[in-house]
Amino acid sequence: MTPDPDLAKIAYDAYGEAVGGLNYMGLPMPPWDELPTKIHDGWVAATDAVVQAVAAAGEPAAKPEPKSGRR
């Protein structure tokens, strides 16, 4: 299965909404397109692990549509 950067962006955006757009230090989260490569790759790897775990459990993994617009 190929990692999906679109799914990682959806997860990152959802995380941002859940925490009020602030990172763990209380600073504003950068937009997805401005993340350092290492952080971007980490989100892609994390969402890929979730997709693989869901697939292994025999559940269909739905891919939600990304929200339009920027913060």
PDB file of N, CA and C in Angstrom:
ATOM      1  N   MET A   1       0.843  -1.177   0.000  1.00  0.00           N
ATOM      2  CA  MET A   1       0.000   0.000   0.000  1.00  0.00           C
ATOM      3  C   MET A   1       0.890   1.244   0.000  1.00  0.00           C
ATOM      4  N   THR A   2       0.580   2.200  -0.845  1.00  0.00           N
ATOM      5  CA  THR A   2       1.369   3.416  -0.956  1.00  0.00           C
ATOM      6  C   THR A   2       0.895   4.457   0.055  1.00  0.00           C
ATOM      7  N   PRO A   3       1.828   5.073   0.806  1.00  0.00           N
ATOM      8  CA  PRO A   3       1.432   6.134   1.736  1.00  0.00           C
ATOM      9  C   PRO A   3       0.706   7.257   0.991  1.00  0.00           C
ATOM     10  N   ASP A   4      -0.281   7.847   1.641  1.00  0.00           N
ATOM     11  CA  ASP A   4      -1.126   8.855   1.010  1.00  0.00           C
ATOM     12  C   ASP A   4      -0.955  10.211   1.689  1.00  0.00           C
ATOM     13  N   PRO A   5      -0.219  11.142   1.058  1.00  0.00           N
ATOM     14  CA  PRO A   5      -0.033  12.458   1.667  1.00  0.00           C
ATOM     15  C   PRO A   5      -1.341  13.234   1.828  1.00  0.00           C
ATOM     16  N   ASP A   6      -2.340  12.962   0.983  1.00  0.00           N
ATOM     17  CA  ASP A   6      -3.630  13.639   1.145  1.00  0.00           C
ATOM     18  C   ASP A   6      -4.298  13.222   2.449  1.00  0.00           C
ATOM     19  N   LEU A   7      -4.205  11.952   2.779  1.00  0.00           N
ATOM     20  CA  LEU A   7      -4.775  11.460   4.028  1.00  0.00           C
ATOM     21  C   LEU A   7      -4.012  12.043   5.220  1.00  0.00           C
ATOM     22  N   ALA A   8      -2.710  12.186   5.090  1.00  0.00           N
ATOM     23  CA  ALA A   8      -1.908  12.794   6.153  1.00  0.00           C
ATOM     24  C   ALA A   8      -2.313  14.244   6.371  1.00  0.00           C
ATOM     25  N   LYS A   9      -2.587  14.974   5.304  1.00  0.00           N
ATOM     26  CA  LYS A   9      -3.030  16.367   5.432  1.00  0.00           C
ATOM     27  C   LYS A   9      -4.382  16.430   6.131  1.00  0.00           C
ATOM     28  N   ILE A  10      -5.272  15.515   5.798  1.00  0.00           N
ATOM     29  CA  ILE A  10      -6.580  15.472   6.457  1.00  0.00           C
ATOM     30  C   ILE A  10      -6.383  15.256   7.962  1.00  0.00           C
ATOM     31  N   ALA A  11      -5.500  14.335   8.327  1.00  0.00           N
ATOM     32  CA  ALA A  11      -5.235  14.065   9.738  1.00  0.00           C
ATOM     33  C   ALA A  11      -4.615  15.280  10.421  1.00  0.00           C
ATOM     34  N   TYR A  12      -3.668  15.915   9.766  1.00  0.00           N
ATOM     35  CA  TYR A  12      -3.008  17.100  10.322  1.00  0.00           C
ATOM     36  C   TYR A  12      -4.025  18.221  10.543  1.00  0.00           C
ATOM     37  N   ASP A  13      -4.872  18.443   9.562  1.00  0.00           N
ATOM     38  CA  ASP A  13      -5.895  19.489   9.685  1.00  0.00           C
ATOM     39  C   ASP A  13      -6.881  19.169  10.812  1.00  0.00           C
ATOM     40  N   ALA A  14      -7.271  17.897  10.932  1.00  0.00           N
ATOM     41  CA  ALA A  14      -8.187  17.493  12.006  1.00  0.00           C
ATOM     42  C   ALA A  14      -7.523  17.690  13.369  1.00  0.00           C
ATOM     43  N   TYR A  15      -6.261  17.334  13.468  1.00  0.00           N
ATOM     44  CA  TYR A  15      -5.519  17.548  14.711  1.00  0.00           C
ATOM     45  C   TYR A  15      -5.503  19.036  15.052  1.00  0.00           C
ATOM     46  N   GLY A  16      -5.215  19.860  14.056  1.00  0.00           N
ATOM     47  CA  GLY A  16      -5.184  21.305  14.271  1.00  0.00           C
ATOM     48  C   GLY A  16      -6.517  21.843  14.778  1.00  0.00           C
ATOM     49  N   GLU A  17      -7.593  21.362  14.204  1.00  0.00           N
ATOM     50  CA  GLU A  17      -8.919  21.784  14.663  1.00  0.00           C
ATOM     51  C   GLU A  17      -9.160  21.334  16.101  1.00  0.00           C
ATOM     52  N   ALA A  18      -8.738  20.132  16.427  1.00  0.00           N
ATOM     53  CA  ALA A  18      -8.973  19.589  17.771  1.00  0.00           C
ATOM     54  C   ALA A  18      -8.197  20.333  18.850  1.00  0.00           C
ATOM     55  N   VAL A  19      -7.040  20.892  18.491  1.00  0.00           N
ATOM     56  CA  VAL A  19      -6.196  21.563  19.485  1.00  0.00           C
ATOM     57  C   VAL A  19      -6.181  23.087  19.308  1.00  0.00           C
ATOM     58  N   GLY A  20      -7.145  23.590  18.579  1.00  0.00           N
ATOM     59  CA  GLY A  20      -7.243  25.041  18.419  1.00  0.00           C
ATOM     60  C   GLY A  20      -6.153  25.654  17.556  1.00  0.00           C
ATOM     61  N   GLY A  21      -5.556  24.846  16.682  1.00  0.00           N
ATOM     62  CA  GLY A  21      -4.540  25.361  15.758  1.00  0.00           C
ATOM     63  C   GLY A  21      -3.192  25.636  16.392  1.00  0.00           C
ATOM     64  N   LEU A  22      -2.992  25.100  17.619  1.00  0.00           N
ATOM     65  CA  LEU A  22      -1.727  25.340  18.318  1.00  0.00           C
ATOM     66  C   LEU A  22      -0.962  24.042  18.494  1.00  0.00           C
ATOM     67  N   ASN A  23       0.372  24.126  18.425  1.00  0.00           N
ATOM     68  CA  ASN A  23       1.189  22.936  18.634  1.00  0.00           C
ATOM     69  C   ASN A  23       1.372  22.670  20.126  1.00  0.00           C
ATOM     70  N   TYR A  24       2.188  21.698  20.471  1.00  0.00           N
ATOM     71  CA  TYR A  24       2.354  21.295  21.873  1.00  0.00           C
ATOM     72  C   TYR A  24       2.976  22.398  22.736  1.00  0.00           C
ATOM     73  N   MET A  25       3.625  23.376  22.107  1.00  0.00           N
ATOM     74  CA  MET A  25       4.212  24.486  22.857  1.00  0.00           C
ATOM     75  C   MET A  25       3.282  25.693  22.923  1.00  0.00           C
ATOM     76  N   GLY A  26       2.087  25.536  22.358  1.00  0.00           N
ATOM     77  CA  GLY A  26       1.136  26.641  22.362  1.00  0.00           C
ATOM     78  C   GLY A  26       1.335  27.637  21.239  1.00  0.00           C
ATOM     79  N   LEU A  27       2.182  27.296  20.286  1.00  0.00           N
ATOM     80  CA  LEU A  27       2.438  28.164  19.139  1.00  0.00           C
ATOM     81  C   LEU A  27       1.544  27.760  17.978  1.00  0.00           C
ATOM     82  N   PRO A  28       1.244  28.708  17.093  1.00  0.00           N
ATOM     83  CA  PRO A  28       0.401  28.363  15.938  1.00  0.00           C
ATOM     84  C   PRO A  28       1.048  27.269  15.087  1.00  0.00           C
ATOM     85  N   MET A  29       0.210  26.322  14.678  1.00  0.00           N
ATOM     86  CA  MET A  29       0.677  25.263  13.774  1.00  0.00           C
ATOM     87  C   MET A  29       0.852  25.861  12.382  1.00  0.00           C
ATOM     88  N   PRO A  30       1.949  25.532  11.707  1.00  0.00           N
ATOM     89  CA  PRO A  30       2.112  26.025  10.343  1.00  0.00           C
ATOM     90  C   PRO A  30       1.151  25.314   9.391  1.00  0.00           C
ATOM     91  N   PRO A  31       0.812  25.959   8.284  1.00  0.00           N
ATOM     92  CA  PRO A  31       0.008  25.268   7.270  1.00  0.00           C
ATOM     93  C   PRO A  31       0.750  24.029   6.782  1.00  0.00           C
ATOM     94  N   TRP A  32      -0.002  23.044   6.333  1.00  0.00           N
ATOM     95  CA  TRP A  32       0.550  21.769   5.850  1.00  0.00           C
ATOM     96  C   TRP A  32       1.696  21.981   4.872  1.00  0.00           C
ATOM     97  N   ASP A  33       1.512  22.879   3.922  1.00  0.00           N
ATOM     98  CA  ASP A  33       2.518  23.102   2.883  1.00  0.00           C
ATOM     99  C   ASP A  33       3.799  23.743   3.405  1.00  0.00           C
ATOM    100  N   GLU A  34       3.780  24.249   4.632  1.00  0.00           N
ATOM    101  CA  GLU A  34       4.971  24.881   5.201  1.00  0.00           C
ATOM    102  C   GLU A  34       5.666  24.020   6.254  1.00  0.00           C
ATOM    103  N   LEU A  35       5.167  22.797   6.462  1.00  0.00           N
ATOM    104  CA  LEU A  35       5.814  21.909   7.430  1.00  0.00           C
ATOM    105  C   LEU A  35       7.201  21.506   6.957  1.00  0.00           C
ATOM    106  N   PRO A  36       8.146  21.364   7.881  1.00  0.00           N
ATOM    107  CA  PRO A  36       9.445  20.811   7.498  1.00  0.00           C
ATOM    108  C   PRO A  36       9.245  19.385   6.970  1.00  0.00           C
ATOM    109  N   THR A  37      10.111  18.961   6.085  1.00  0.00           N
ATOM    110  CA  THR A  37      10.002  17.648   5.461  1.00  0.00           C
ATOM    111  C   THR A  37       9.901  16.534   6.501  1.00  0.00           C
ATOM    112  N   LYS A  38      10.697  16.604   7.553  1.00  0.00           N
ATOM    113  CA  LYS A  38      10.691  15.553   8.576  1.00  0.00           C
ATOM    114  C   LYS A  38       9.319  15.440   9.246  1.00  0.00           C
ATOM    115  N   ILE A  39       8.678  16.556   9.543  1.00  0.00           N
ATOM    116  CA  ILE A  39       7.361  16.535  10.187  1.00  0.00           C
ATOM    117  C   ILE A  39       6.306  16.051   9.199  1.00  0.00           C
ATOM    118  N   HIS A  40       6.373  16.539   7.978  1.00  0.00           N
ATOM    119  CA  HIS A  40       5.455  16.106   6.921  1.00  0.00           C
ATOM    120  C   HIS A  40       5.536  14.592   6.752  1.00  0.00           C
ATOM    121  N   ASP A  41       6.759  14.088   6.638  1.00  0.00           N
ATOM    122  CA  ASP A  41       6.957  12.645   6.468  1.00  0.00           C
ATOM    123  C   ASP A  41       6.448  11.857   7.677  1.00  0.00           C
ATOM    124  N   GLY A  42       6.567  12.443   8.865  1.00  0.00           N
ATOM    125  CA  GLY A  42       6.057  11.788  10.065  1.00  0.00           C
ATOM    126  C   GLY A  42       4.544  11.632  10.029  1.00  0.00           C
ATOM    127  N   TRP A  43       3.843  12.660   9.570  1.00  0.00           N
ATOM    128  CA  TRP A  43       2.383  12.570   9.453  1.00  0.00           C
ATOM    129  C   TRP A  43       1.993  11.552   8.395  1.00  0.00           C
ATOM    130  N   VAL A  44       2.719  11.503   7.303  1.00  0.00           N
ATOM    131  CA  VAL A  44       2.431  10.514   6.257  1.00  0.00           C
ATOM    132  C   VAL A  44       2.641   9.107   6.815  1.00  0.00           C
ATOM    133  N   ALA A  45       3.740   8.888   7.532  1.00  0.00           N
ATOM    134  CA  ALA A  45       4.013   7.570   8.106  1.00  0.00           C
ATOM    135  C   ALA A  45       2.953   7.185   9.135  1.00  0.00           C
ATOM    136  N   ALA A  46       2.538   8.130   9.955  1.00  0.00           N
ATOM    137  CA  ALA A  46       1.539   7.838  10.986  1.00  0.00           C
ATOM    138  C   ALA A  46       0.203   7.450  10.360  1.00  0.00           C
ATOM    139  N   THR A  47      -0.241   8.195   9.375  1.00  0.00           N
ATOM    140  CA  THR A  47      -1.524   7.867   8.753  1.00  0.00           C
ATOM    141  C   THR A  47      -1.435   6.569   7.961  1.00  0.00           C
ATOM    142  N   ASP A  48      -0.275   6.293   7.375  1.00  0.00           N
ATOM    143  CA  ASP A  48      -0.100   5.026   6.666  1.00  0.00           C
ATOM    144  C   ASP A  48      -0.193   3.855   7.644  1.00  0.00           C
ATOM    145  N   ALA A  49       0.368   4.020   8.836  1.00  0.00           N
ATOM    146  CA  ALA A  49       0.291   2.959   9.848  1.00  0.00           C
ATOM    147  C   ALA A  49      -1.155   2.702  10.257  1.00  0.00           C
ATOM    148  N   VAL A  50      -1.945   3.755  10.380  1.00  0.00           N
ATOM    149  CA  VAL A  50      -3.361   3.599  10.734  1.00  0.00           C
ATOM    150  C   VAL A  50      -4.105   2.871   9.612  1.00  0.00           C
ATOM    151  N   VAL A  51      -3.867   3.271   8.374  1.00  0.00           N
ATOM    152  CA  VAL A  51      -4.525   2.617   7.233  1.00  0.00           C
ATOM    153  C   VAL A  51      -4.171   1.134   7.205  1.00  0.00           C
ATOM    154  N   GLN A  52      -2.907   0.808   7.429  1.00  0.00           N
ATOM    155  CA  GLN A  52      -2.486  -0.595   7.428  1.00  0.00           C
ATOM    156  C   GLN A  52      -3.132  -1.374   8.572  1.00  0.00           C
ATOM    157  N   ALA A  53      -3.240  -0.755   9.754  1.00  0.00           N
ATOM    158  CA  ALA A  53      -3.858  -1.429  10.894  1.00  0.00           C
ATOM    159  C   ALA A  53      -5.339  -1.680  10.647  1.00  0.00           C
ATOM    160  N   VAL A  54      -6.015  -0.707  10.047  1.00  0.00           N
ATOM    161  CA  VAL A  54      -7.436  -0.872   9.734  1.00  0.00           C
ATOM    162  C   VAL A  54      -7.606  -1.977   8.695  1.00  0.00           C
ATOM    163  N   ALA A  55      -6.749  -1.979   7.675  1.00  0.00           N
ATOM    164  CA  ALA A  55      -6.827  -3.012   6.643  1.00  0.00           C
ATOM    165  C   ALA A  55      -6.567  -4.395   7.235  1.00  0.00           C
ATOM    166  N   ALA A  56      -5.619  -4.491   8.151  1.00  0.00           N
ATOM    167  CA  ALA A  56      -5.300  -5.779   8.771  1.00  0.00           C
ATOM    168  C   ALA A  56      -6.458  -6.271   9.644  1.00  0.00           C
ATOM    169  N   ALA A  57      -7.229  -5.338  10.176  1.00  0.00           N
ATOM    170  CA  ALA A  57      -8.372  -5.705  11.015  1.00  0.00           C
ATOM    171  C   ALA A  57      -9.584  -6.091  10.172  1.00  0.00           C
ATOM    172  N   GLY A  58      -9.463  -5.935   8.854  1.00  0.00           N
ATOM    173  CA  GLY A  58     -10.548  -6.308   7.956  1.00  0.00           C
ATOM    174  C   GLY A  58     -11.630  -5.266   7.813  1.00  0.00           C
ATOM    175  N   GLU A  59     -11.358  -4.061   8.289  1.00  0.00           N
ATOM    176  CA  GLU A  59     -12.333  -2.977   8.168  1.00  0.00           C
ATOM    177  C   GLU A  59     -12.000  -2.141   6.940  1.00  0.00           C
ATOM    178  N   PRO A  60     -13.005  -1.688   6.217  1.00  0.00           N
ATOM    179  CA  PRO A  60     -12.718  -0.804   5.088  1.00  0.00           C
ATOM    180  C   PRO A  60     -12.238   0.553   5.588  1.00  0.00           C
ATOM    181  N   ALA A  61     -11.169   1.067   4.989  1.00  0.00           N
ATOM    182  CA  ALA A  61     -10.645   2.379   5.365  1.00  0.00           C
ATOM    183  C   ALA A  61     -11.223   3.424   4.430  1.00  0.00           C
ATOM    184  N   ALA A  62     -12.069   4.279   4.950  1.00  0.00           N
ATOM    185  CA  ALA A  62     -12.672   5.341   4.148  1.00  0.00           C
ATOM    186  C   ALA A  62     -11.733   6.526   4.107  1.00  0.00           C
ATOM    187  N   LYS A  63     -11.646   7.154   2.968  1.00  0.00           N
ATOM    188  CA  LYS A  63     -10.819   8.337   2.815  1.00  0.00           C
ATOM    189  C   LYS A  63     -11.730   9.554   2.719  1.00  0.00           C
ATOM    190  N   PRO A  64     -11.799  10.371   3.790  1.00  0.00           N
ATOM    191  CA  PRO A  64     -12.658  11.546   3.737  1.00  0.00           C
ATOM    192  C   PRO A  64     -12.134  12.573   2.751  1.00  0.00           C
ATOM    193  N   GLU A  65     -13.017  13.402   2.271  1.00  0.00           N
ATOM    194  CA  GLU A  65     -12.632  14.466   1.352  1.00  0.00           C
ATOM    195  C   GLU A  65     -11.916  15.568   2.127  1.00  0.00           C
ATOM    196  N   PRO A  66     -10.823  16.105   1.581  1.00  0.00           N
ATOM    197  CA  PRO A  66     -10.140  17.210   2.274  1.00  0.00           C
ATOM    198  C   PRO A  66     -11.036  18.445   2.304  1.00  0.00           C
ATOM    199  N   LYS A  67     -10.912  19.216   3.374  1.00  0.00           N
ATOM    200  CA  LYS A  67     -11.672  20.459   3.479  1.00  0.00           C
ATOM    201  C   LYS A  67     -11.024  21.504   2.600  1.00  0.00           C
ATOM    202  N   SER A  68     -11.835  22.329   2.011  1.00  0.00           N
ATOM    203  CA  SER A  68     -11.279  23.381   1.161  1.00  0.00           C
ATOM    204  C   SER A  68     -10.967  24.599   1.999  1.00  0.00           C
ATOM    205  N   GLY A  69     -10.081  25.403   1.504  1.00  0.00           N
ATOM    206  CA  GLY A  69      -9.735  26.650   2.185  1.00  0.00           C
ATOM    207  C   GLY A  69      -8.587  26.478   3.140  1.00  0.00           C
ATOM    208  N   ARG A  70      -8.069  27.605   3.563  1.00  0.00           N
ATOM    209  CA  ARG A  70      -6.954  27.646   4.508  1.00  0.00           C
ATOM    210  C   ARG A  70      -7.371  28.388   5.735  1.00  0.00           C
ATOM    211  N   ARG A  71      -6.645  28.160   6.779  1.00  0.00           N
ATOM    212  CA  ARG A  71      -6.874  28.922   7.999  1.00  0.00           C
ATOM    213  C   ARG A  71      -6.232  30.249   7.906  1.00  0.00           C
TER     214      ARG A  71
END
